[in-house]
Amino acid sequence: MQLISHLFNTTLSTLVDVAPIVAILAVFQIIVIRKAPPNLGRMAVGFVYVLLGLTLFLVGLEQALFPVGETMAAQLTDPEFLYGDAGKLKAGFQPFWWDYAWVYAFAAAIGFATTIAEAMMRSPCIPIEMCCFPSDTIDHRLIPYMQIPSIQGNQNCVGQSAYLIKQDE
């Protein structure tokens, strides 16, 4: 019952967080575009999926990853871990910053792994680039922003964005 209550509260919190984004999009659609959005039903279902996904993601973080992180932080900074037997520590002892080398090494490893993982998320762009554009025509800085709806065979792509093609200088 506590999990259901937590899910409900997290869903409400997520709804409050996402509501301004939805409001801005709705105002833009009504005032600027002045047309009803196409497939409003599909958009509503997609919004529910986003809300549900964010809620489950946040609850999963709170239930699984945050406790593990807190436990690891407590263990890595525990004087017994740093200096061995805590009974040997004198009253008023102040540790130095280099006494926490394990924490710095762990943080560096996490940062490195995150950097590598983020770069791997862009790897699907490489086959799209090879399929769609000759190597000298694409501005490689824009690859993360490429959106190509479909690929026909291995020869050409549909939906190429004109702004991705370099202009002759």
N, C-alpha and C. Protein backbone atom coordinates (compact mmCIF):
# COMPACT_ATOMS: atom_id res chain seq x y z
N MET A 1 0.82 -1.19 0.00
CA MET A 1 0.00 0.00 0.00
C MET A 1 0.87 1.26 0.00
N GLN A 2 2.01 1.18 0.67
CA GLN A 2 2.91 2.32 0.71
C GLN A 2 3.49 2.60 -0.68
N LEU A 3 3.79 1.56 -1.45
CA LEU A 3 4.31 1.74 -2.80
C LEU A 3 3.27 2.41 -3.70
N ILE A 4 2.01 2.01 -3.57
CA ILE A 4 0.95 2.61 -4.38
C ILE A 4 0.81 4.10 -4.03
N SER A 5 0.87 4.41 -2.76
CA SER A 5 0.80 5.81 -2.32
C SER A 5 1.99 6.60 -2.88
N HIS A 6 3.16 5.99 -2.82
CA HIS A 6 4.36 6.65 -3.34
C HIS A 6 4.25 6.85 -4.86
N LEU A 7 3.76 5.84 -5.58
CA LEU A 7 3.55 5.97 -7.02
C LEU A 7 2.57 7.11 -7.33
N PHE A 8 1.48 7.17 -6.58
CA PHE A 8 0.49 8.21 -6.79
C PHE A 8 1.09 9.60 -6.55
N ASN A 9 1.81 9.77 -5.44
CA ASN A 9 2.43 11.06 -5.13
C ASN A 9 3.48 11.45 -6.17
N THR A 10 4.27 10.49 -6.63
CA THR A 10 5.27 10.77 -7.65
C THR A 10 4.60 11.13 -8.97
N THR A 11 3.49 10.46 -9.29
CA THR A 11 2.75 10.79 -10.51
C THR A 11 2.23 12.22 -10.45
N LEU A 12 1.67 12.61 -9.33
CA LEU A 12 1.18 13.98 -9.18
C LEU A 12 2.33 14.99 -9.28
N SER A 13 3.43 14.69 -8.65
CA SER A 13 4.60 15.58 -8.72
C SER A 13 5.10 15.70 -10.15
N THR A 14 5.16 14.57 -10.87
CA THR A 14 5.61 14.59 -12.26
C THR A 14 4.63 15.37 -13.12
N LEU A 15 3.35 15.21 -12.87
CA LEU A 15 2.33 15.95 -13.62
C LEU A 15 2.51 17.45 -13.42
N VAL A 16 2.78 17.87 -12.19
CA VAL A 16 3.01 19.28 -11.91
C VAL A 16 4.27 19.77 -12.63
N ASP A 17 5.30 18.93 -12.70
CA ASP A 17 6.54 19.32 -13.37
C ASP A 17 6.39 19.40 -14.87
N VAL A 18 5.57 18.53 -15.46
CA VAL A 18 5.41 18.47 -16.91
C VAL A 18 4.33 19.45 -17.40
N ALA A 19 3.43 19.85 -16.53
CA ALA A 19 2.31 20.72 -16.92
C ALA A 19 2.76 22.03 -17.59
N PRO A 20 3.79 22.72 -17.11
CA PRO A 20 4.20 23.95 -17.80
C PRO A 20 4.64 23.71 -19.25
N ILE A 21 5.29 22.59 -19.50
CA ILE A 21 5.72 22.27 -20.86
C ILE A 21 4.50 22.06 -21.75
N VAL A 22 3.54 21.31 -21.25
CA VAL A 22 2.31 21.07 -22.00
C VAL A 22 1.57 22.39 -22.23
N ALA A 23 1.54 23.24 -21.22
CA ALA A 23 0.85 24.53 -21.35
C ALA A 23 1.50 25.41 -22.42
N ILE A 24 2.82 25.46 -22.43
CA ILE A 24 3.53 26.25 -23.43
C ILE A 24 3.25 25.72 -24.83
N LEU A 25 3.29 24.41 -25.00
CA LEU A 25 2.99 23.83 -26.31
C LEU A 25 1.55 24.11 -26.73
N ALA A 26 0.63 24.02 -25.80
CA ALA A 26 -0.78 24.28 -26.12
C ALA A 26 -1.00 25.74 -26.50
N VAL A 27 -0.41 26.66 -25.74
CA VAL A 27 -0.54 28.08 -26.06
C VAL A 27 0.07 28.38 -27.42
N PHE A 28 1.22 27.82 -27.69
CA PHE A 28 1.88 28.02 -28.99
C PHE A 28 0.99 27.48 -30.11
N GLN A 29 0.42 26.30 -29.90
CA GLN A 29 -0.45 25.70 -30.91
C GLN A 29 -1.68 26.57 -31.17
N ILE A 30 -2.27 27.10 -30.10
CA ILE A 30 -3.50 27.89 -30.24
C ILE A 30 -3.23 29.29 -30.78
N ILE A 31 -2.23 29.97 -30.25
CA ILE A 31 -1.99 31.37 -30.61
C ILE A 31 -1.18 31.52 -31.89
N VAL A 32 -0.12 30.76 -32.05
CA VAL A 32 0.77 30.94 -33.19
C VAL A 32 0.30 30.12 -34.40
N ILE A 33 0.10 28.85 -34.23
CA ILE A 33 -0.25 27.98 -35.36
C ILE A 33 -1.72 28.12 -35.73
N ARG A 34 -2.57 28.31 -34.74
CA ARG A 34 -4.00 28.53 -34.94
C ARG A 34 -4.69 27.37 -35.65
N LYS A 35 -4.27 26.19 -35.36
CA LYS A 35 -4.91 24.99 -35.87
C LYS A 35 -4.96 23.96 -34.74
N ALA A 36 -5.95 23.11 -34.83
CA ALA A 36 -6.00 22.00 -33.88
C ALA A 36 -4.86 21.04 -34.20
N PRO A 37 -4.20 20.53 -33.19
CA PRO A 37 -3.11 19.60 -33.47
C PRO A 37 -3.62 18.33 -34.13
N PRO A 38 -2.91 17.83 -35.12
CA PRO A 38 -3.32 16.58 -35.74
C PRO A 38 -3.11 15.43 -34.76
N ASN A 39 -3.97 14.43 -34.83
CA ASN A 39 -3.85 13.24 -33.97
C ASN A 39 -3.83 13.59 -32.49
N LEU A 40 -4.78 14.39 -32.07
CA LEU A 40 -4.84 14.82 -30.67
C LEU A 40 -4.96 13.62 -29.72
N GLY A 41 -5.70 12.59 -30.13
CA GLY A 41 -5.84 11.39 -29.31
C GLY A 41 -4.51 10.68 -29.11
N ARG A 42 -3.74 10.56 -30.19
CA ARG A 42 -2.42 9.92 -30.08
C ARG A 42 -1.49 10.74 -29.21
N MET A 43 -1.60 12.06 -29.32
CA MET A 43 -0.77 12.91 -28.47
C MET A 43 -1.12 12.74 -27.00
N ALA A 44 -2.40 12.63 -26.71
CA ALA A 44 -2.84 12.44 -25.31
C ALA A 44 -2.34 11.11 -24.78
N VAL A 45 -2.44 10.06 -25.59
CA VAL A 45 -1.92 8.75 -25.17
C VAL A 45 -0.41 8.82 -24.96
N GLY A 46 0.29 9.51 -25.85
CA GLY A 46 1.74 9.69 -25.69
C GLY A 46 2.09 10.44 -24.43
N PHE A 47 1.30 11.45 -24.09
CA PHE A 47 1.52 12.19 -22.85
C PHE A 47 1.35 11.29 -21.64
N VAL A 48 0.34 10.44 -21.68
CA VAL A 48 0.13 9.49 -20.57
C VAL A 48 1.32 8.54 -20.46
N TYR A 49 1.83 8.07 -21.61
CA TYR A 49 3.01 7.19 -21.59
C TYR A 49 4.23 7.92 -21.02
N VAL A 50 4.42 9.17 -21.41
CA VAL A 50 5.54 9.95 -20.87
C VAL A 50 5.40 10.11 -19.36
N LEU A 51 4.21 10.44 -18.92
CA LEU A 51 3.95 10.61 -17.50
C LEU A 51 4.21 9.32 -16.74
N LEU A 52 3.71 8.22 -17.26
CA LEU A 52 3.92 6.92 -16.63
C LEU A 52 5.40 6.53 -16.63
N GLY A 53 6.07 6.75 -17.75
CA GLY A 53 7.50 6.41 -17.84
C GLY A 53 8.35 7.22 -16.87
N LEU A 54 8.10 8.53 -16.82
CA LEU A 54 8.86 9.37 -15.88
C LEU A 54 8.59 8.97 -14.44
N THR A 55 7.34 8.66 -14.13
CA THR A 55 6.99 8.26 -12.77
C THR A 55 7.72 6.98 -12.38
N LEU A 56 7.66 5.97 -13.24
CA LEU A 56 8.34 4.70 -12.92
C LEU A 56 9.85 4.88 -12.85
N PHE A 57 10.41 5.73 -13.71
CA PHE A 57 11.84 6.00 -13.69
C PHE A 57 12.23 6.63 -12.35
N LEU A 58 11.48 7.64 -11.92
CA LEU A 58 11.80 8.31 -10.66
C LEU A 58 11.64 7.39 -9.46
N VAL A 59 10.58 6.60 -9.44
CA VAL A 59 10.38 5.66 -8.33
C VAL A 59 11.50 4.62 -8.33
N GLY A 60 11.89 4.15 -9.51
CA GLY A 60 12.99 3.19 -9.61
C GLY A 60 14.29 3.76 -9.08
N LEU A 61 14.57 5.02 -9.41
CA LEU A 61 15.77 5.66 -8.87
C LEU A 61 15.72 5.74 -7.35
N GLU A 62 14.57 6.17 -6.83
CA GLU A 62 14.44 6.33 -5.39
C GLU A 62 14.50 5.00 -4.64
N GLN A 63 13.96 3.95 -5.24
CA GLN A 63 13.89 2.66 -4.58
C GLN A 63 15.18 1.84 -4.72
N ALA A 64 15.89 2.02 -5.83
CA ALA A 64 17.03 1.14 -6.09
C ALA A 64 18.38 1.87 -6.07
N LEU A 65 18.53 2.88 -6.91
CA LEU A 65 19.85 3.48 -7.08
C LEU A 65 20.24 4.43 -5.94
N PHE A 66 19.32 5.24 -5.46
CA PHE A 66 19.68 6.17 -4.39
C PHE A 66 20.15 5.46 -3.13
N PRO A 67 19.46 4.41 -2.66
CA PRO A 67 19.97 3.71 -1.47
C PRO A 67 21.36 3.09 -1.69
N VAL A 68 21.60 2.57 -2.88
CA VAL A 68 22.92 2.00 -3.16
C VAL A 68 23.97 3.10 -3.11
N GLY A 69 23.67 4.26 -3.69
CA GLY A 69 24.61 5.39 -3.67
C GLY A 69 24.88 5.89 -2.26
N GLU A 70 23.84 5.97 -1.46
CA GLU A 70 24.01 6.42 -0.08
C GLU A 70 24.87 5.43 0.72
N THR A 71 24.62 4.15 0.52
CA THR A 71 25.40 3.12 1.22
C THR A 71 26.86 3.18 0.80
N MET A 72 27.09 3.30 -0.50
CA MET A 72 28.48 3.36 -0.98
C MET A 72 29.19 4.61 -0.46
N ALA A 73 28.50 5.75 -0.43
CA ALA A 73 29.11 6.98 0.08
C ALA A 73 29.46 6.83 1.55
N ALA A 74 28.56 6.24 2.32
CA ALA A 74 28.84 6.04 3.74
C ALA A 74 30.02 5.10 3.93
N GLN A 75 30.10 4.05 3.13
CA GLN A 75 31.19 3.09 3.26
C GLN A 75 32.52 3.69 2.83
N LEU A 76 32.53 4.44 1.74
CA LEU A 76 33.79 5.01 1.24
C LEU A 76 34.35 6.11 2.14
N THR A 77 33.50 6.76 2.90
CA THR A 77 33.97 7.85 3.77
C THR A 77 34.05 7.44 5.24
N ASP A 78 33.79 6.21 5.54
CA ASP A 78 33.85 5.71 6.91
C ASP A 78 35.30 5.71 7.40
N PRO A 79 35.58 6.27 8.57
CA PRO A 79 36.95 6.29 9.09
C PRO A 79 37.57 4.89 9.19
N GLU A 80 36.77 3.87 9.49
CA GLU A 80 37.30 2.51 9.53
C GLU A 80 37.82 2.08 8.17
N PHE A 81 37.13 2.47 7.12
CA PHE A 81 37.58 2.14 5.76
C PHE A 81 38.85 2.90 5.42
N LEU A 82 38.91 4.16 5.84
CA LEU A 82 40.05 5.01 5.49
C LEU A 82 41.30 4.69 6.29
N TYR A 83 41.13 4.41 7.58
CA TYR A 83 42.29 4.29 8.46
C TYR A 83 42.42 2.94 9.15
N GLY A 84 41.57 2.02 8.81
CA GLY A 84 41.59 0.74 9.49
C GLY A 84 40.75 0.79 10.75
N ASP A 85 41.30 0.36 11.87
CA ASP A 85 40.56 0.31 13.13
C ASP A 85 40.25 1.73 13.61
N ALA A 86 38.97 2.02 13.82
CA ALA A 86 38.55 3.36 14.25
C ALA A 86 39.05 3.69 15.65
N GLY A 87 39.37 2.68 16.45
CA GLY A 87 39.86 2.92 17.80
C GLY A 87 41.22 3.59 17.81
N LYS A 88 41.97 3.52 16.75
CA LYS A 88 43.30 4.14 16.68
C LYS A 88 43.22 5.64 16.44
N LEU A 89 42.06 6.12 16.03
CA LEU A 89 41.93 7.54 15.74
C LEU A 89 41.87 8.33 17.05
N LYS A 90 42.61 9.40 17.09
CA LYS A 90 42.62 10.25 18.28
C LYS A 90 41.45 11.21 18.22
N ALA A 91 41.01 11.66 19.39
CA ALA A 91 39.92 12.63 19.46
C ALA A 91 40.35 13.92 18.80
N GLY A 92 39.48 14.52 18.02
CA GLY A 92 39.78 15.77 17.34
C GLY A 92 40.57 15.60 16.06
N PHE A 93 40.79 14.36 15.63
CA PHE A 93 41.54 14.11 14.40
C PHE A 93 40.76 14.64 13.20
N GLN A 94 41.43 15.40 12.35
CA GLN A 94 40.81 15.92 11.13
C GLN A 94 41.48 15.26 9.92
N PRO A 95 40.72 14.55 9.11
CA PRO A 95 41.32 13.94 7.92
C PRO A 95 41.65 15.00 6.87
N PHE A 96 42.61 14.68 6.05
CA PHE A 96 42.99 15.57 4.95
C PHE A 96 42.23 15.16 3.69
N TRP A 97 42.20 16.05 2.71
CA TRP A 97 41.45 15.75 1.50
C TRP A 97 42.02 14.54 0.77
N TRP A 98 43.30 14.31 0.82
CA TRP A 98 43.88 13.17 0.10
C TRP A 98 43.58 11.83 0.78
N ASP A 99 43.02 11.90 2.00
CA ASP A 99 42.61 10.66 2.65
C ASP A 99 41.40 10.03 1.94
N TYR A 100 40.74 10.81 1.12
CA TYR A 100 39.56 10.33 0.41
C TYR A 100 39.87 9.98 -1.05
N ALA A 101 41.06 9.49 -1.30
CA ALA A 101 41.46 9.14 -2.67
C ALA A 101 40.51 8.12 -3.29
N TRP A 102 39.98 7.20 -2.48
CA TRP A 102 39.04 6.21 -3.02
C TRP A 102 37.78 6.87 -3.57
N VAL A 103 37.32 7.88 -2.87
CA VAL A 103 36.12 8.59 -3.32
C VAL A 103 36.41 9.29 -4.64
N TYR A 104 37.56 9.94 -4.74
CA TYR A 104 37.92 10.63 -5.98
C TYR A 104 38.09 9.64 -7.13
N ALA A 105 38.72 8.51 -6.85
CA ALA A 105 38.91 7.50 -7.90
C ALA A 105 37.55 6.95 -8.36
N PHE A 106 36.67 6.70 -7.42
CA PHE A 106 35.34 6.20 -7.78
C PHE A 106 34.57 7.24 -8.58
N ALA A 107 34.60 8.50 -8.18
CA ALA A 107 33.91 9.56 -8.91
C ALA A 107 34.48 9.72 -10.31
N ALA A 108 35.79 9.62 -10.44
CA ALA A 108 36.41 9.72 -11.77
C ALA A 108 35.98 8.55 -12.65
N ALA A 109 35.90 7.36 -12.07
CA ALA A 109 35.46 6.19 -12.85
C ALA A 109 34.01 6.34 -13.30
N ILE A 110 33.15 6.83 -12.42
CA ILE A 110 31.75 7.06 -12.79
C ILE A 110 31.66 8.13 -13.88
N GLY A 111 32.40 9.21 -13.74
CA GLY A 111 32.39 10.26 -14.75
C GLY A 111 32.89 9.77 -16.09
N PHE A 112 33.95 8.97 -16.08
CA PHE A 112 34.48 8.41 -17.32
C PHE A 112 33.47 7.48 -17.98
N ALA A 113 32.86 6.62 -17.19
CA ALA A 113 31.86 5.68 -17.74
C ALA A 113 30.66 6.43 -18.31
N THR A 114 30.24 7.49 -17.65
CA THR A 114 29.11 8.29 -18.15
C THR A 114 29.48 8.96 -19.46
N THR A 115 30.68 9.48 -19.56
CA THR A 115 31.13 10.12 -20.79
C THR A 115 31.17 9.13 -21.94
N ILE A 116 31.67 7.93 -21.69
CA ILE A 116 31.72 6.90 -22.73
C ILE A 116 30.30 6.48 -23.12
N ALA A 117 29.43 6.30 -22.15
CA ALA A 117 28.05 5.87 -22.44
C ALA A 117 27.31 6.92 -23.25
N GLU A 118 27.52 8.19 -22.94
CA GLU A 118 26.85 9.26 -23.69
C GLU A 118 27.30 9.27 -25.14
N ALA A 119 28.57 9.06 -25.36
CA ALA A 119 29.08 9.02 -26.73
C ALA A 119 28.52 7.83 -27.50
N MET A 120 28.32 6.73 -26.81
CA MET A 120 27.78 5.54 -27.48
C MET A 120 26.32 5.74 -27.89
N MET A 121 25.63 6.65 -27.23
CA MET A 121 24.24 6.93 -27.60
C MET A 121 24.15 7.60 -28.96
N ARG A 122 25.22 8.19 -29.41
CA ARG A 122 25.23 8.84 -30.72
C ARG A 122 25.67 7.90 -31.84
N SER A 123 26.08 6.71 -31.51
CA SER A 123 26.60 5.79 -32.52
C SER A 123 25.60 5.42 -33.60
N PRO A 124 24.27 5.40 -33.35
CA PRO A 124 23.35 5.12 -34.46
C PRO A 124 23.40 6.16 -35.57
N CYS A 125 23.94 7.34 -35.30
CA CYS A 125 24.02 8.37 -36.34
C CYS A 125 25.04 8.01 -37.41
N ILE A 126 26.04 7.23 -37.07
CA ILE A 126 27.10 6.93 -38.03
C ILE A 126 26.57 6.15 -39.23
N PRO A 127 25.81 5.05 -39.05
CA PRO A 127 25.28 4.37 -40.24
C PRO A 127 24.33 5.25 -41.05
N ILE A 128 23.58 6.12 -40.39
CA ILE A 128 22.69 7.01 -41.11
C ILE A 128 23.50 7.98 -41.96
N GLU A 129 24.56 8.51 -41.38
CA GLU A 129 25.42 9.42 -42.13
C GLU A 129 26.03 8.72 -43.33
N MET A 130 26.53 7.51 -43.12
CA MET A 130 27.17 6.78 -44.21
C MET A 130 26.16 6.45 -45.30
N CYS A 131 24.94 6.19 -44.92
CA CYS A 131 23.90 5.83 -45.87
C CYS A 131 23.44 7.03 -46.68
N CYS A 132 23.33 8.16 -46.03
CA CYS A 132 22.62 9.28 -46.63
C CYS A 132 23.49 10.34 -47.28
N PHE A 133 24.66 10.55 -46.76
CA PHE A 133 25.42 11.70 -47.19
C PHE A 133 26.84 11.29 -47.60
N PRO A 134 27.34 11.86 -48.68
CA PRO A 134 28.77 11.69 -48.96
C PRO A 134 29.58 12.33 -47.83
N SER A 135 30.75 11.83 -47.58
CA SER A 135 31.51 12.25 -46.40
C SER A 135 31.87 13.72 -46.40
N ASP A 136 31.93 14.37 -47.55
CA ASP A 136 32.34 15.78 -47.56
C ASP A 136 31.16 16.74 -47.58
N THR A 137 29.92 16.26 -47.45
CA THR A 137 28.78 17.17 -47.54
C THR A 137 28.08 17.43 -46.22
N ILE A 138 28.42 16.70 -45.18
CA ILE A 138 27.68 16.85 -43.92
C ILE A 138 28.49 17.66 -42.92
N ASP A 139 27.81 18.48 -42.20
CA ASP A 139 28.41 19.22 -41.10
C ASP A 139 28.34 18.31 -39.88
N HIS A 140 29.45 17.72 -39.49
CA HIS A 140 29.48 16.70 -38.46
C HIS A 140 29.04 17.20 -37.10
N ARG A 141 29.08 18.50 -36.88
CA ARG A 141 28.62 19.03 -35.60
C ARG A 141 27.12 18.87 -35.43
N LEU A 142 26.38 18.69 -36.51
CA LEU A 142 24.93 18.61 -36.44
C LEU A 142 24.40 17.18 -36.42
N ILE A 143 25.28 16.19 -36.47
CA ILE A 143 24.83 14.80 -36.51
C ILE A 143 23.89 14.45 -35.35
N PRO A 144 24.16 14.90 -34.12
CA PRO A 144 23.22 14.52 -33.05
C PRO A 144 21.81 15.04 -33.27
N TYR A 145 21.62 16.05 -34.12
CA TYR A 145 20.31 16.63 -34.32
C TYR A 145 19.61 16.09 -35.57
N MET A 146 20.25 15.13 -36.26
CA MET A 146 19.65 14.56 -37.46
C MET A 146 18.43 13.74 -37.11
N GLN A 147 17.38 13.92 -37.89
CA GLN A 147 16.20 13.09 -37.74
C GLN A 147 15.78 12.66 -39.13
N ILE A 148 15.97 11.40 -39.40
CA ILE A 148 15.62 10.86 -40.71
C ILE A 148 14.57 9.80 -40.47
N PRO A 149 13.34 10.01 -40.95
CA PRO A 149 12.24 9.11 -40.62
C PRO A 149 12.39 7.69 -41.12
N SER A 150 12.95 7.49 -42.29
CA SER A 150 13.04 6.13 -42.78
C SER A 150 14.25 5.97 -43.70
N ILE A 151 14.69 4.75 -43.80
CA ILE A 151 15.79 4.42 -44.69
C ILE A 151 15.26 3.40 -45.69
N GLN A 152 15.44 3.67 -46.96
CA GLN A 152 14.99 2.74 -47.99
C GLN A 152 16.21 1.97 -48.49
N GLY A 153 16.23 0.70 -48.18
CA GLY A 153 17.37 -0.12 -48.58
C GLY A 153 18.63 0.38 -47.92
N ASN A 154 19.75 0.24 -48.61
CA ASN A 154 21.01 0.77 -48.12
C ASN A 154 21.52 1.88 -49.01
N GLN A 155 20.69 2.36 -49.89
CA GLN A 155 21.12 3.30 -50.90
C GLN A 155 20.85 4.76 -50.52
N ASN A 156 19.61 5.06 -50.14
CA ASN A 156 19.28 6.46 -49.91
C ASN A 156 18.34 6.60 -48.72
N CYS A 157 18.20 7.82 -48.25
CA CYS A 157 17.34 8.09 -47.11
C CYS A 157 16.25 9.05 -47.51
N VAL A 158 15.13 8.96 -46.83
CA VAL A 158 14.01 9.86 -47.06
C VAL A 158 13.95 10.83 -45.90
N GLY A 159 13.66 12.07 -46.17
CA GLY A 159 13.48 13.06 -45.11
C GLY A 159 14.76 13.75 -44.71
N GLN A 160 15.71 13.88 -45.61
CA GLN A 160 16.94 14.57 -45.27
C GLN A 160 16.64 16.03 -45.00
N SER A 161 17.28 16.56 -43.99
CA SER A 161 17.08 17.97 -43.65
C SER A 161 18.10 18.81 -44.39
N ALA A 162 17.61 19.83 -45.08
CA ALA A 162 18.49 20.64 -45.92
C ALA A 162 19.55 21.38 -45.11
N TYR A 163 19.26 21.74 -43.87
CA TYR A 163 20.22 22.51 -43.10
C TYR A 163 21.44 21.70 -42.69
N LEU A 164 21.37 20.38 -42.85
CA LEU A 164 22.53 19.56 -42.50
C LEU A 164 23.61 19.57 -43.58
N ILE A 165 23.24 19.96 -44.78
CA ILE A 165 24.19 19.96 -45.87
C ILE A 165 25.03 21.23 -45.80
N LYS A 166 26.36 21.08 -45.91
CA LYS A 166 27.24 22.23 -45.86
C LYS A 166 27.02 23.09 -47.10
N GLN A 167 27.06 24.35 -46.89
CA GLN A 167 26.98 25.29 -48.01
C GLN A 167 28.39 25.60 -48.48
N ASP A 168 28.55 25.73 -49.79
CA ASP A 168 29.87 26.10 -50.32
C ASP A 168 30.23 27.49 -49.85
N GLU A 169 31.44 27.64 -49.41
CA GLU A 169 31.85 28.93 -48.86
C GLU A 169 32.52 29.78 -49.90
